[in-house]
Amino acid sequence: MEENRKLQEQAVSLQEKVMVQEKVEMEEQQTALEAELSLEGIEGDRSEEDRLTEAEKNERQRKMLLVRFELNHDYQRMPLLHVTDN
């Protein structure tokens, strides 16, 4: 009888150890998945920043081209100056 009780106690102790180990592994896996999701969110934010930066760059280029066009257009309308020798 005593031997059976010891075996049962050992079995319960072993089950508890297995359950604790499984819980630790699940927590580690959950932490890893949360970190991965968080990282994806950060990367998504960076992509958003890149899109905004690209849009700002495109807007600056558009404005520069518009200014160049206007300057060129104004230049073409300027009367030619004739230089004469005195």
C-alpha atoms as a PDB file:
ATOM      1  CA  MET A   1       0.000   0.000   0.000  1.00  0.00           C
ATOM      2  CA  GLU A   2       2.748   2.411   0.955  1.00  0.00           C
ATOM      3  CA  GLU A   3       4.451   1.720  -2.325  1.00  0.00           C
ATOM      4  CA  ASN A   4       1.262   2.503  -4.288  1.00  0.00           C
ATOM      5  CA  ARG A   5       0.857   5.795  -2.413  1.00  0.00           C
ATOM      6  CA  LYS A   6       4.449   6.764  -3.240  1.00  0.00           C
ATOM      7  CA  LEU A   7       3.905   5.880  -6.885  1.00  0.00           C
ATOM      8  CA  GLN A   8       0.719   7.973  -6.969  1.00  0.00           C
ATOM      9  CA  GLU A   9       2.526  10.914  -5.355  1.00  0.00           C
ATOM     10  CA  GLN A  10       5.321  10.601  -7.905  1.00  0.00           C
ATOM     11  CA  ALA A  11       2.783  10.444 -10.724  1.00  0.00           C
ATOM     12  CA  VAL A  12       0.991  13.544  -9.422  1.00  0.00           C
ATOM     13  CA  SER A  13       4.305  15.364  -8.998  1.00  0.00           C
ATOM     14  CA  LEU A  14       5.327  14.413 -12.528  1.00  0.00           C
ATOM     15  CA  GLN A  15       1.957  15.571 -13.911  1.00  0.00           C
ATOM     16  CA  GLU A  16       2.353  18.892 -12.091  1.00  0.00           C
ATOM     17  CA  LYS A  17       5.839  19.334 -13.541  1.00  0.00           C
ATOM     18  CA  VAL A  18       4.557  18.562 -17.046  1.00  0.00           C
ATOM     19  CA  MET A  19       1.672  21.000 -16.621  1.00  0.00           C
ATOM     20  CA  VAL A  20       4.020  23.722 -15.373  1.00  0.00           C
ATOM     21  CA  GLN A  21       6.386  23.097 -18.298  1.00  0.00           C
ATOM     22  CA  GLU A  22       3.496  23.211 -20.793  1.00  0.00           C
ATOM     23  CA  LYS A  23       2.266  26.456 -19.242  1.00  0.00           C
ATOM     24  CA  VAL A  24       5.740  27.998 -19.502  1.00  0.00           C
ATOM     25  CA  GLU A  25       6.026  26.916 -23.141  1.00  0.00           C
ATOM     26  CA  MET A  26       2.582  28.347 -23.937  1.00  0.00           C
ATOM     27  CA  GLU A  27       3.485  31.650 -22.267  1.00  0.00           C
ATOM     28  CA  GLU A  28       6.749  31.809 -24.231  1.00  0.00           C
ATOM     29  CA  GLN A  29       4.899  31.089 -27.462  1.00  0.00           C
ATOM     30  CA  GLN A  30       2.292  33.730 -26.640  1.00  0.00           C
ATOM     31  CA  THR A  31       5.010  36.269 -25.865  1.00  0.00           C
ATOM     32  CA  ALA A  32       6.748  35.494 -29.158  1.00  0.00           C
ATOM     33  CA  LEU A  33       3.494  35.865 -31.105  1.00  0.00           C
ATOM     34  CA  GLU A  34       2.683  39.153 -29.363  1.00  0.00           C
ATOM     35  CA  ALA A  35       6.153  40.459 -30.177  1.00  0.00           C
ATOM     36  CA  GLU A  36       5.726  39.398 -33.799  1.00  0.00           C
ATOM     37  CA  LEU A  37       2.367  41.158 -34.052  1.00  0.00           C
ATOM     38  CA  SER A  38       3.808  44.252 -32.427  1.00  0.00           C
ATOM     39  CA  LEU A  39       6.703  44.213 -34.879  1.00  0.00           C
ATOM     40  CA  GLU A  40       4.312  43.905 -37.808  1.00  0.00           C
ATOM     41  CA  GLY A  41       2.469  46.952 -36.499  1.00  0.00           C
ATOM     42  CA  ILE A  42       5.710  48.913 -36.347  1.00  0.00           C
ATOM     43  CA  GLU A  43       6.630  47.860 -39.861  1.00  0.00           C
ATOM     44  CA  GLY A  44       3.181  48.919 -41.000  1.00  0.00           C
ATOM     45  CA  ASP A  45       3.747  52.307 -39.410  1.00  0.00           C
ATOM     46  CA  ARG A  46       7.065  52.616 -41.211  1.00  0.00           C
ATOM     47  CA  SER A  47       5.375  51.828 -44.485  1.00  0.00           C
ATOM     48  CA  GLU A  48       2.850  54.543 -43.717  1.00  0.00           C
ATOM     49  CA  GLU A  49       5.713  56.957 -43.023  1.00  0.00           C
ATOM     50  CA  ASP A  50       7.380  55.943 -46.280  1.00  0.00           C
ATOM     51  CA  ARG A  51       4.164  56.596 -48.187  1.00  0.00           C
ATOM     52  CA  LEU A  52       3.795  60.015 -46.562  1.00  0.00           C
ATOM     53  CA  THR A  53       7.420  60.841 -47.252  1.00  0.00           C
ATOM     54  CA  GLU A  54       7.043  59.730 -50.867  1.00  0.00           C
ATOM     55  CA  ALA A  55       3.867  61.802 -51.239  1.00  0.00           C
ATOM     56  CA  GLU A  56       5.619  64.851 -49.775  1.00  0.00           C
ATOM     57  CA  LYS A  57       8.565  64.342 -52.136  1.00  0.00           C
ATOM     58  CA  ASN A  58       6.207  64.047 -55.101  1.00  0.00           C
ATOM     59  CA  GLU A  59       4.427  67.230 -54.064  1.00  0.00           C
ATOM     60  CA  ARG A  60       7.737  69.129 -53.799  1.00  0.00           C
ATOM     61  CA  GLN A  61       8.780  67.868 -57.235  1.00  0.00           C
ATOM     62  CA  ARG A  62       5.419  68.863 -58.694  1.00  0.00           C
ATOM     63  CA  LYS A  63       5.795  72.371 -57.284  1.00  0.00           C
ATOM     64  CA  MET A  64       9.357  72.656 -58.603  1.00  0.00           C
ATOM     65  CA  LEU A  65       8.255  71.581 -62.066  1.00  0.00           C
ATOM     66  CA  LEU A  66       5.395  74.053 -61.969  1.00  0.00           C
ATOM     67  CA  VAL A  67       7.760  76.875 -61.020  1.00  0.00           C
ATOM     68  CA  ARG A  68      10.181  75.862 -63.791  1.00  0.00           C
ATOM     69  CA  PHE A  69       7.342  75.756 -66.295  1.00  0.00           C
ATOM     70  CA  GLU A  70       6.133  79.201 -65.235  1.00  0.00           C
ATOM     71  CA  LEU A  71       9.653  80.632 -65.390  1.00  0.00           C
ATOM     72  CA  ASN A  72      10.208  79.108 -68.813  1.00  0.00           C
ATOM     73  CA  HIS A  73       6.849  80.371 -70.018  1.00  0.00           C
ATOM     74  CA  ASP A  74       7.591  83.882 -68.731  1.00  0.00           C
ATOM     75  CA  TYR A  75      11.047  83.781 -70.319  1.00  0.00           C
ATOM     76  CA  GLN A  76       9.580  82.875 -73.704  1.00  0.00           C
ATOM     77  CA  ARG A  77       7.206  85.843 -73.526  1.00  0.00           C
ATOM     78  CA  MET A  78       9.956  88.338 -72.684  1.00  0.00           C
ATOM     79  CA  PRO A  79      10.856  90.663 -75.521  1.00  0.00           C
ATOM     80  CA  LEU A  80      14.286  90.231 -76.972  1.00  0.00           C
ATOM     81  CA  LEU A  81      16.727  92.980 -76.154  1.00  0.00           C
ATOM     82  CA  HIS A  82      18.921  94.163 -78.941  1.00  0.00           C
ATOM     83  CA  VAL A  83      22.306  95.330 -77.983  1.00  0.00           C
ATOM     84  CA  THR A  84      23.616  98.124 -80.150  1.00  0.00           C
ATOM     85  CA  ASP A  85      27.113  99.451 -80.349  1.00  0.00           C
ATOM     86  CA  ASN A  86      27.394 103.115 -79.468  1.00  0.00           C
END
